[in-house]
């Protein structure tokens, strides 16, 4: 069964996470999918990917961060720039952790309460996945075109950002100019010991699969090499010629995945299946 646009109230806040759940009969495990920067749960082929995993016997849940700019009903449009501008890395980490608690509580889906749970993060969502992997329910993670660091600003840009108090981010897909307050920078500076991706990858004691395209135009494949360097036990899979979204685009009107993403999705789910089988090294 597929449950679309359910609402989850983040404890002790007014924030709401809108999420989808793809639940097969007798699921073998759970995949939590985390979107990236300027992304959202319904982008491109994410639904087709989720349905494909469901057909393989996996429960799949994906959600929108509360401050990704989309709305409760308008889940594919940036209708709340005032929230987008106030988003922070700490907020994304916290929301991922409390959502994992919510899944484990069995509040909405009791059948999922004790199943093996894995996290997939795309692009900046990989940072949230890595930083939430310490959650006791997480059995393993996979990064898709994942970033290796949050601090992606040059000194001149950082200084200008601090002076102006905000900067404009262009959404290349829509041409929209989206404001981003200095809160994001300040949050990282205050909490970098918790948020630093390098440190969290080095500490990771769970199976990790790193997937990256060699033609990624947004996040260089060299960042995948860094993730691998920091965790010798991680598995690295480079996809020759693949771009940042593995051949998908938005909107995606086909039930079939693009060839490249289909291979990535299959690689990921086979990896997770091996984790829950005794043969995993």
C-alpha atoms as a PDB file:
ATOM      1  CA  UNK A   1       0.000   0.000   0.000  1.00  0.00           C
ATOM      2  CA  UNK A   2       1.088   3.580  -0.654  1.00  0.00           C
ATOM      3  CA  UNK A   3       0.344   6.396   1.803  1.00  0.00           C
ATOM      4  CA  UNK A   4       0.998   9.864   0.363  1.00  0.00           C
ATOM      5  CA  UNK A   5       1.471  13.212   2.087  1.00  0.00           C
ATOM      6  CA  UNK A   6       1.010  12.078   5.657  1.00  0.00           C
ATOM      7  CA  UNK A   7       1.922  14.614   8.346  1.00  0.00           C
ATOM      8  CA  UNK A   8       4.298  14.186  11.280  1.00  0.00           C
ATOM      9  CA  UNK A   9       4.504  16.885  13.960  1.00  0.00           C
ATOM     10  CA  UNK A  10       8.080  17.428  15.122  1.00  0.00           C
ATOM     11  CA  UNK A  11       7.984  17.177  18.954  1.00  0.00           C
ATOM     12  CA  UNK A  12       8.196  20.463  20.897  1.00  0.00           C
ATOM     13  CA  UNK A  13       7.912  22.554  17.704  1.00  0.00           C
ATOM     14  CA  UNK A  14       5.295  23.855  15.291  1.00  0.00           C
ATOM     15  CA  UNK A  15       7.108  22.182  12.408  1.00  0.00           C
ATOM     16  CA  UNK A  16       5.554  19.429  10.305  1.00  0.00           C
ATOM     17  CA  UNK A  17       7.257  16.816   8.125  1.00  0.00           C
ATOM     18  CA  UNK A  18       5.225  15.657   5.139  1.00  0.00           C
ATOM     19  CA  UNK A  19       6.040  12.058   4.290  1.00  0.00           C
ATOM     20  CA  UNK A  20       5.139   9.137   2.022  1.00  0.00           C
ATOM     21  CA  UNK A  21       5.155   5.469   2.991  1.00  0.00           C
ATOM     22  CA  UNK A  22       5.334   2.579   0.526  1.00  0.00           C
ATOM     23  CA  UNK A  23       4.467  -0.579   2.466  1.00  0.00           C
ATOM     24  CA  UNK A  24       4.418  -4.072   0.876  1.00  0.00           C
ATOM     25  CA  UNK A  25       2.944  -7.142   2.497  1.00  0.00           C
ATOM     26  CA  UNK A  26       5.420  -8.742   4.890  1.00  0.00           C
ATOM     27  CA  UNK A  27       8.255  -6.221   4.360  1.00  0.00           C
ATOM     28  CA  UNK A  28      11.782  -7.494   4.871  1.00  0.00           C
ATOM     29  CA  UNK A  29      13.165  -4.130   5.970  1.00  0.00           C
ATOM     30  CA  UNK A  30      12.802  -0.348   5.782  1.00  0.00           C
ATOM     31  CA  UNK A  31      14.545   2.256   3.640  1.00  0.00           C
ATOM     32  CA  UNK A  32      14.344   5.889   4.775  1.00  0.00           C
ATOM     33  CA  UNK A  33      15.164   8.203   1.863  1.00  0.00           C
ATOM     34  CA  UNK A  34      16.453  11.743   2.503  1.00  0.00           C
ATOM     35  CA  UNK A  35      16.362  14.414  -0.218  1.00  0.00           C
ATOM     36  CA  UNK A  36      19.068  16.986  -0.837  1.00  0.00           C
ATOM     37  CA  UNK A  37      19.447  20.775  -1.003  1.00  0.00           C
ATOM     38  CA  UNK A  38      16.703  22.428  -3.093  1.00  0.00           C
ATOM     39  CA  UNK A  39      15.199  18.959  -3.302  1.00  0.00           C
ATOM     40  CA  UNK A  40      11.970  17.405  -2.067  1.00  0.00           C
ATOM     41  CA  UNK A  41      10.472  13.968  -1.592  1.00  0.00           C
ATOM     42  CA  UNK A  42       8.519  14.024  -4.875  1.00  0.00           C
ATOM     43  CA  UNK A  43      11.372  15.219  -7.067  1.00  0.00           C
ATOM     44  CA  UNK A  44      11.909  13.411 -10.355  1.00  0.00           C
ATOM     45  CA  UNK A  45      12.072   9.634 -10.130  1.00  0.00           C
ATOM     46  CA  UNK A  46      12.059   9.279  -6.335  1.00  0.00           C
ATOM     47  CA  UNK A  47       8.500   7.907  -6.411  1.00  0.00           C
ATOM     48  CA  UNK A  48       9.341   5.396  -9.148  1.00  0.00           C
ATOM     49  CA  UNK A  49      12.399   4.356  -7.158  1.00  0.00           C
ATOM     50  CA  UNK A  50      10.328   3.915  -3.992  1.00  0.00           C
ATOM     51  CA  UNK A  51       7.731   1.818  -5.813  1.00  0.00           C
ATOM     52  CA  UNK A  52      10.495  -0.331  -7.283  1.00  0.00           C
ATOM     53  CA  UNK A  53      11.933  -1.042  -3.843  1.00  0.00           C
ATOM     54  CA  UNK A  54       8.444  -1.782  -2.524  1.00  0.00           C
ATOM     55  CA  UNK A  55       8.004  -4.388  -5.259  1.00  0.00           C
ATOM     56  CA  UNK A  56      11.255  -5.942  -4.009  1.00  0.00           C
ATOM     57  CA  UNK A  57       9.632  -6.371  -0.591  1.00  0.00           C
ATOM     58  CA  UNK A  58      10.991  -3.294   1.163  1.00  0.00           C
ATOM     59  CA  UNK A  59       9.039  -0.640   3.031  1.00  0.00           C
ATOM     60  CA  UNK A  60      10.148   2.806   1.844  1.00  0.00           C
ATOM     61  CA  UNK A  61       9.563   6.106   3.628  1.00  0.00           C
ATOM     62  CA  UNK A  62      10.610   9.512   2.353  1.00  0.00           C
ATOM     63  CA  UNK A  63       9.883  12.944   3.777  1.00  0.00           C
ATOM     64  CA  UNK A  64      10.314  16.668   3.238  1.00  0.00           C
ATOM     65  CA  UNK A  65      12.365  18.593   5.753  1.00  0.00           C
ATOM     66  CA  UNK A  66      10.154  21.170   7.444  1.00  0.00           C
ATOM     67  CA  UNK A  67      12.220  24.074   6.096  1.00  0.00           C
ATOM     68  CA  UNK A  68      13.007  22.844   2.577  1.00  0.00           C
ATOM     69  CA  UNK A  69      10.641  25.518   1.196  1.00  0.00           C
ATOM     70  CA  UNK A  70       7.726  23.306   0.153  1.00  0.00           C
ATOM     71  CA  UNK A  71       4.308  23.298   1.820  1.00  0.00           C
ATOM     72  CA  UNK A  72       1.924  20.845   3.434  1.00  0.00           C
ATOM     73  CA  UNK A  73      -0.092  20.535   0.246  1.00  0.00           C
ATOM     74  CA  UNK A  74       2.280  22.107  -2.311  1.00  0.00           C
ATOM     75  CA  UNK A  75       4.928  19.418  -1.905  1.00  0.00           C
ATOM     76  CA  UNK A  76       6.701  20.152  -5.200  1.00  0.00           C
ATOM     77  CA  UNK A  77       6.845  23.961  -5.150  1.00  0.00           C
ATOM     78  CA  UNK A  78       8.912  26.407  -3.112  1.00  0.00           C
ATOM     79  CA  UNK A  79       5.977  28.253  -1.593  1.00  0.00           C
ATOM     80  CA  UNK A  80       7.663  29.067   1.729  1.00  0.00           C
ATOM     81  CA  UNK A  81      10.890  30.980   1.019  1.00  0.00           C
ATOM     82  CA  UNK A  82      10.713  32.385   4.562  1.00  0.00           C
ATOM     83  CA  UNK A  83      11.247  28.849   5.889  1.00  0.00           C
ATOM     84  CA  UNK A  84      13.885  27.937   3.312  1.00  0.00           C
ATOM     85  CA  UNK A  85      15.933  30.938   4.367  1.00  0.00           C
ATOM     86  CA  UNK A  86      15.886  29.797   8.021  1.00  0.00           C
ATOM     87  CA  UNK A  87      16.873  26.182   7.481  1.00  0.00           C
ATOM     88  CA  UNK A  88      19.996  24.836   9.204  1.00  0.00           C
ATOM     89  CA  UNK A  89      22.062  21.654   9.199  1.00  0.00           C
ATOM     90  CA  UNK A  90      21.265  21.086  12.877  1.00  0.00           C
ATOM     91  CA  UNK A  91      17.559  21.233  12.106  1.00  0.00           C
ATOM     92  CA  UNK A  92      17.935  18.611   9.362  1.00  0.00           C
ATOM     93  CA  UNK A  93      19.936  16.348  11.666  1.00  0.00           C
ATOM     94  CA  UNK A  94      17.378  16.707  14.461  1.00  0.00           C
ATOM     95  CA  UNK A  95      14.418  16.086  12.152  1.00  0.00           C
ATOM     96  CA  UNK A  96      16.034  12.942  10.762  1.00  0.00           C
ATOM     97  CA  UNK A  97      16.648  11.595  14.266  1.00  0.00           C
ATOM     98  CA  UNK A  98      13.138  12.296  15.545  1.00  0.00           C
ATOM     99  CA  UNK A  99      11.648  10.818  12.381  1.00  0.00           C
ATOM    100  CA  UNK A 100      13.658   7.650  12.975  1.00  0.00           C
ATOM    101  CA  UNK A 101      12.199   7.591  16.500  1.00  0.00           C
ATOM    102  CA  UNK A 102       8.740   7.987  14.987  1.00  0.00           C
ATOM    103  CA  UNK A 103       9.237   5.019  12.640  1.00  0.00           C
ATOM    104  CA  UNK A 104      10.520   2.887  15.489  1.00  0.00           C
ATOM    105  CA  UNK A 105       7.598   3.837  17.747  1.00  0.00           C
ATOM    106  CA  UNK A 106       5.187   1.960  15.484  1.00  0.00           C
ATOM    107  CA  UNK A 107       2.705   4.776  16.010  1.00  0.00           C
ATOM    108  CA  UNK A 108       1.429   4.814  12.418  1.00  0.00           C
ATOM    109  CA  UNK A 109       2.921   1.576  11.084  1.00  0.00           C
ATOM    110  CA  UNK A 110       3.184  -1.049  13.849  1.00  0.00           C
ATOM    111  CA  UNK A 111       4.453  -3.699  11.424  1.00  0.00           C
ATOM    112  CA  UNK A 112       7.635  -1.666  10.861  1.00  0.00           C
ATOM    113  CA  UNK A 113       8.599  -1.277  14.495  1.00  0.00           C
ATOM    114  CA  UNK A 114      11.194  -4.061  14.658  1.00  0.00           C
ATOM    115  CA  UNK A 115      12.344  -4.400  11.035  1.00  0.00           C
ATOM    116  CA  UNK A 116      15.946  -3.696   9.923  1.00  0.00           C
ATOM    117  CA  UNK A 117      16.162  -0.013   9.009  1.00  0.00           C
ATOM    118  CA  UNK A 118      18.514   1.619   6.492  1.00  0.00           C
ATOM    119  CA  UNK A 119      19.007   5.207   5.369  1.00  0.00           C
ATOM    120  CA  UNK A 120      19.717   6.549   1.875  1.00  0.00           C
ATOM    121  CA  UNK A 121      20.733  10.200   1.502  1.00  0.00           C
ATOM    122  CA  UNK A 122      21.074  12.062  -1.797  1.00  0.00           C
ATOM    123  CA  UNK A 123      23.503  14.991  -2.152  1.00  0.00           C
ATOM    124  CA  UNK A 124      23.208  17.168   0.984  1.00  0.00           C
ATOM    125  CA  UNK A 125      20.779  14.590   2.333  1.00  0.00           C
ATOM    126  CA  UNK A 126      23.796  12.276   2.597  1.00  0.00           C
ATOM    127  CA  UNK A 127      25.146  14.589   5.290  1.00  0.00           C
ATOM    128  CA  UNK A 128      21.942  14.208   7.304  1.00  0.00           C
ATOM    129  CA  UNK A 129      22.049  10.442   6.744  1.00  0.00           C
ATOM    130  CA  UNK A 130      25.652  10.190   7.950  1.00  0.00           C
ATOM    131  CA  UNK A 131      25.026  12.425  10.945  1.00  0.00           C
ATOM    132  CA  UNK A 132      21.945  10.425  11.951  1.00  0.00           C
ATOM    133  CA  UNK A 133      23.555   7.013  11.403  1.00  0.00           C
ATOM    134  CA  UNK A 134      24.429   6.841  15.097  1.00  0.00           C
ATOM    135  CA  UNK A 135      20.725   6.229  15.798  1.00  0.00           C
ATOM    136  CA  UNK A 136      20.502   2.731  17.323  1.00  0.00           C
ATOM    137  CA  UNK A 137      17.847   1.626  14.820  1.00  0.00           C
ATOM    138  CA  UNK A 138      20.003   2.263  11.755  1.00  0.00           C
ATOM    139  CA  UNK A 139      21.642  -0.901  10.406  1.00  0.00           C
ATOM    140  CA  UNK A 140      23.488   0.743   7.508  1.00  0.00           C
ATOM    141  CA  UNK A 141      23.480   3.654   5.082  1.00  0.00           C
ATOM    142  CA  UNK A 142      24.063   4.525   1.444  1.00  0.00           C
ATOM    143  CA  UNK A 143      25.056   7.908   0.070  1.00  0.00           C
ATOM    144  CA  UNK A 144      24.033   8.882  -3.456  1.00  0.00           C
ATOM    145  CA  UNK A 145      26.135  11.712  -4.911  1.00  0.00           C
ATOM    146  CA  UNK A 146      26.808  12.652  -1.311  1.00  0.00           C
ATOM    147  CA  UNK A 147      28.673  15.677  -0.030  1.00  0.00           C
ATOM    148  CA  UNK A 148      31.791  15.222   2.083  1.00  0.00           C
ATOM    149  CA  UNK A 149      31.533  18.575   3.856  1.00  0.00           C
ATOM    150  CA  UNK A 150      28.947  21.210   4.780  1.00  0.00           C
ATOM    151  CA  UNK A 151      31.413  24.095   4.692  1.00  0.00           C
ATOM    152  CA  UNK A 152      31.302  24.848   0.965  1.00  0.00           C
ATOM    153  CA  UNK A 153      31.958  28.611   1.030  1.00  0.00           C
ATOM    154  CA  UNK A 154      35.079  30.545   0.196  1.00  0.00           C
ATOM    155  CA  UNK A 155      36.363  33.142   2.649  1.00  0.00           C
ATOM    156  CA  UNK A 156      35.184  36.072   0.523  1.00  0.00           C
ATOM    157  CA  UNK A 157      31.702  34.600   0.151  1.00  0.00           C
ATOM    158  CA  UNK A 158      31.501  33.882   3.867  1.00  0.00           C
ATOM    159  CA  UNK A 159      32.483  37.428   4.803  1.00  0.00           C
ATOM    160  CA  UNK A 160      29.974  38.938   2.362  1.00  0.00           C
ATOM    161  CA  UNK A 161      27.281  36.624   3.698  1.00  0.00           C
ATOM    162  CA  UNK A 162      27.974  37.696   7.279  1.00  0.00           C
ATOM    163  CA  UNK A 163      27.910  41.389   6.356  1.00  0.00           C
ATOM    164  CA  UNK A 164      24.723  41.223   4.282  1.00  0.00           C
ATOM    165  CA  UNK A 165      22.938  38.774   6.606  1.00  0.00           C
ATOM    166  CA  UNK A 166      21.668  36.673   3.695  1.00  0.00           C
ATOM    167  CA  UNK A 167      22.529  35.572   0.183  1.00  0.00           C
ATOM    168  CA  UNK A 168      20.518  34.506  -2.834  1.00  0.00           C
ATOM    169  CA  UNK A 169      20.614  30.928  -4.126  1.00  0.00           C
ATOM    170  CA  UNK A 170      19.480  30.322  -7.706  1.00  0.00           C
ATOM    171  CA  UNK A 171      17.390  27.234  -8.344  1.00  0.00           C
ATOM    172  CA  UNK A 172      18.824  26.172 -11.681  1.00  0.00           C
ATOM    173  CA  UNK A 173      15.765  24.074 -12.518  1.00  0.00           C
ATOM    174  CA  UNK A 174      13.161  26.835 -12.055  1.00  0.00           C
ATOM    175  CA  UNK A 175      15.228  30.020 -12.194  1.00  0.00           C
ATOM    176  CA  UNK A 176      13.874  31.035  -8.781  1.00  0.00           C
ATOM    177  CA  UNK A 177      16.020  33.165  -6.507  1.00  0.00           C
ATOM    178  CA  UNK A 178      15.857  31.710  -3.009  1.00  0.00           C
ATOM    179  CA  UNK A 179      17.113  33.636   0.059  1.00  0.00           C
ATOM    180  CA  UNK A 180      19.398  31.939   2.559  1.00  0.00           C
ATOM    181  CA  UNK A 181      20.025  33.659   5.882  1.00  0.00           C
ATOM    182  CA  UNK A 182      23.365  33.652   7.671  1.00  0.00           C
ATOM    183  CA  UNK A 183      21.728  31.365  10.285  1.00  0.00           C
ATOM    184  CA  UNK A 184      22.945  28.400   8.226  1.00  0.00           C
ATOM    185  CA  UNK A 185      26.577  29.516   8.406  1.00  0.00           C
ATOM    186  CA  UNK A 186      26.365  30.434  12.080  1.00  0.00           C
ATOM    187  CA  UNK A 187      24.690  27.125  12.926  1.00  0.00           C
ATOM    188  CA  UNK A 188      27.560  25.238  11.318  1.00  0.00           C
ATOM    189  CA  UNK A 189      30.170  27.322  13.102  1.00  0.00           C
ATOM    190  CA  UNK A 190      28.493  26.717  16.478  1.00  0.00           C
ATOM    191  CA  UNK A 191      27.892  23.007  15.981  1.00  0.00           C
ATOM    192  CA  UNK A 192      30.643  21.850  13.641  1.00  0.00           C
ATOM    193  CA  UNK A 193      31.967  19.322  16.161  1.00  0.00           C
ATOM    194  CA  UNK A 194      28.627  17.500  15.911  1.00  0.00           C
ATOM    195  CA  UNK A 195      27.945  18.187  12.244  1.00  0.00           C
ATOM    196  CA  UNK A 196      31.376  17.571  10.691  1.00  0.00           C
ATOM    197  CA  UNK A 197      30.833  14.824   8.119  1.00  0.00           C
ATOM    198  CA  UNK A 198      34.450  13.666   8.147  1.00  0.00           C
ATOM    199  CA  UNK A 199      34.352  12.949  11.878  1.00  0.00           C
ATOM    200  CA  UNK A 200      31.042  11.123  11.687  1.00  0.00           C
ATOM    201  CA  UNK A 201      32.202   8.961   8.782  1.00  0.00           C
ATOM    202  CA  UNK A 202      35.368   8.069  10.689  1.00  0.00           C
ATOM    203  CA  UNK A 203      33.281   7.065  13.695  1.00  0.00           C
ATOM    204  CA  UNK A 204      30.746   5.079  11.699  1.00  0.00           C
ATOM    205  CA  UNK A 205      30.639   1.452  12.805  1.00  0.00           C
ATOM    206  CA  UNK A 206      27.903   0.365  10.403  1.00  0.00           C
ATOM    207  CA  UNK A 207      27.930  -0.824   6.786  1.00  0.00           C
ATOM    208  CA  UNK A 208      28.172   2.048   4.319  1.00  0.00           C
ATOM    209  CA  UNK A 209      27.770   2.109   0.551  1.00  0.00           C
ATOM    210  CA  UNK A 210      29.043   5.194  -1.307  1.00  0.00           C
ATOM    211  CA  UNK A 211      27.638   5.683  -4.823  1.00  0.00           C
ATOM    212  CA  UNK A 212      28.704   8.577  -7.045  1.00  0.00           C
ATOM    213  CA  UNK A 213      28.662   9.426 -10.730  1.00  0.00           C
ATOM    214  CA  UNK A 214      31.947  10.372 -12.418  1.00  0.00           C
ATOM    215  CA  UNK A 215      30.176  13.123 -14.406  1.00  0.00           C
ATOM    216  CA  UNK A 216      28.445  14.688 -11.391  1.00  0.00           C
ATOM    217  CA  UNK A 217      28.143  18.391 -12.176  1.00  0.00           C
ATOM    218  CA  UNK A 218      27.020  19.446  -8.680  1.00  0.00           C
ATOM    219  CA  UNK A 219      29.138  17.392  -6.256  1.00  0.00           C
ATOM    220  CA  UNK A 220      32.460  16.128  -7.554  1.00  0.00           C
ATOM    221  CA  UNK A 221      33.058  12.378  -7.460  1.00  0.00           C
ATOM    222  CA  UNK A 222      36.269  13.195  -5.617  1.00  0.00           C
ATOM    223  CA  UNK A 223      34.105  13.814  -2.546  1.00  0.00           C
ATOM    224  CA  UNK A 224      33.150  10.120  -2.694  1.00  0.00           C
ATOM    225  CA  UNK A 225      36.845   9.263  -2.579  1.00  0.00           C
ATOM    226  CA  UNK A 226      37.158  11.322   0.602  1.00  0.00           C
ATOM    227  CA  UNK A 227      34.251   9.510   2.233  1.00  0.00           C
ATOM    228  CA  UNK A 228      35.902   6.200   1.369  1.00  0.00           C
ATOM    229  CA  UNK A 229      39.289   7.377   2.642  1.00  0.00           C
ATOM    230  CA  UNK A 230      37.761   8.243   6.012  1.00  0.00           C
ATOM    231  CA  UNK A 231      36.171   4.818   6.422  1.00  0.00           C
ATOM    232  CA  UNK A 232      38.192   1.932   5.046  1.00  0.00           C
ATOM    233  CA  UNK A 233      35.304  -0.496   5.610  1.00  0.00           C
ATOM    234  CA  UNK A 234      32.919   1.508   3.405  1.00  0.00           C
ATOM    235  CA  UNK A 235      32.072   0.178  -0.056  1.00  0.00           C
ATOM    236  CA  UNK A 236      32.638   2.596  -2.956  1.00  0.00           C
ATOM    237  CA  UNK A 237      30.817   2.313  -6.280  1.00  0.00           C
ATOM    238  CA  UNK A 238      31.577   4.896  -8.976  1.00  0.00           C
ATOM    239  CA  UNK A 239      29.114   5.036 -11.872  1.00  0.00           C
ATOM    240  CA  UNK A 240      30.959   5.913 -15.065  1.00  0.00           C
ATOM    241  CA  UNK A 241      29.425   8.908 -16.841  1.00  0.00           C
ATOM    242  CA  UNK A 242      26.546   9.355 -14.366  1.00  0.00           C
ATOM    243  CA  UNK A 243      25.379  12.846 -13.451  1.00  0.00           C
ATOM    244  CA  UNK A 244      24.200  14.185 -10.081  1.00  0.00           C
ATOM    245  CA  UNK A 245      20.726  12.618 -10.358  1.00  0.00           C
ATOM    246  CA  UNK A 246      21.719   9.417 -12.181  1.00  0.00           C
ATOM    247  CA  UNK A 247      19.846  10.215 -15.370  1.00  0.00           C
ATOM    248  CA  UNK A 248      16.568  11.424 -13.834  1.00  0.00           C
ATOM    249  CA  UNK A 249      14.891  14.814 -14.274  1.00  0.00           C
ATOM    250  CA  UNK A 250      11.876  16.671 -12.942  1.00  0.00           C
ATOM    251  CA  UNK A 251       9.113  16.010 -13.616  1.00  0.00           C
ATOM    252  CA  UNK A 252       9.542  12.290 -14.243  1.00  0.00           C
ATOM    253  CA  UNK A 253       6.409  10.884 -15.861  1.00  0.00           C
ATOM    254  CA  UNK A 254       7.454   7.276 -16.372  1.00  0.00           C
ATOM    255  CA  UNK A 255       6.930   4.343 -14.025  1.00  0.00           C
ATOM    256  CA  UNK A 256      10.310   3.052 -15.199  1.00  0.00           C
ATOM    257  CA  UNK A 257      13.512   4.370 -13.701  1.00  0.00           C
ATOM    258  CA  UNK A 258      16.214   5.817 -15.951  1.00  0.00           C
ATOM    259  CA  UNK A 259      18.709   3.096 -16.752  1.00  0.00           C
ATOM    260  CA  UNK A 260      21.482   4.544 -14.599  1.00  0.00           C
ATOM    261  CA  UNK A 261      19.309   5.122 -11.535  1.00  0.00           C
ATOM    262  CA  UNK A 262      17.834   1.630 -11.879  1.00  0.00           C
ATOM    263  CA  UNK A 263      21.321   0.188 -11.541  1.00  0.00           C
ATOM    264  CA  UNK A 264      22.035   2.409  -8.533  1.00  0.00           C
ATOM    265  CA  UNK A 265      18.762   1.420  -6.850  1.00  0.00           C
ATOM    266  CA  UNK A 266      19.454  -2.281  -7.413  1.00  0.00           C
ATOM    267  CA  UNK A 267      23.024  -1.965  -6.136  1.00  0.00           C
ATOM    268  CA  UNK A 268      21.747  -0.253  -2.995  1.00  0.00           C
ATOM    269  CA  UNK A 269      19.011  -2.741  -2.170  1.00  0.00           C
ATOM    270  CA  UNK A 270      21.329  -5.731  -2.772  1.00  0.00           C
ATOM    271  CA  UNK A 271      23.813  -4.151  -0.375  1.00  0.00           C
ATOM    272  CA  UNK A 272      21.141  -3.781   2.306  1.00  0.00           C
ATOM    273  CA  UNK A 273      19.969  -7.349   1.780  1.00  0.00           C
ATOM    274  CA  UNK A 274      23.524  -8.583   2.306  1.00  0.00           C
ATOM    275  CA  UNK A 275      23.725  -6.632   5.551  1.00  0.00           C
ATOM    276  CA  UNK A 276      20.786  -8.528   7.042  1.00  0.00           C
ATOM    277  CA  UNK A 277      22.072 -11.896   5.830  1.00  0.00           C
ATOM    278  CA  UNK A 278      24.714 -13.843   7.814  1.00  0.00           C
ATOM    279  CA  UNK A 279      27.076 -13.912   4.820  1.00  0.00           C
ATOM    280  CA  UNK A 280      27.880 -10.178   5.104  1.00  0.00           C
ATOM    281  CA  UNK A 281      31.563  -9.911   6.068  1.00  0.00           C
END
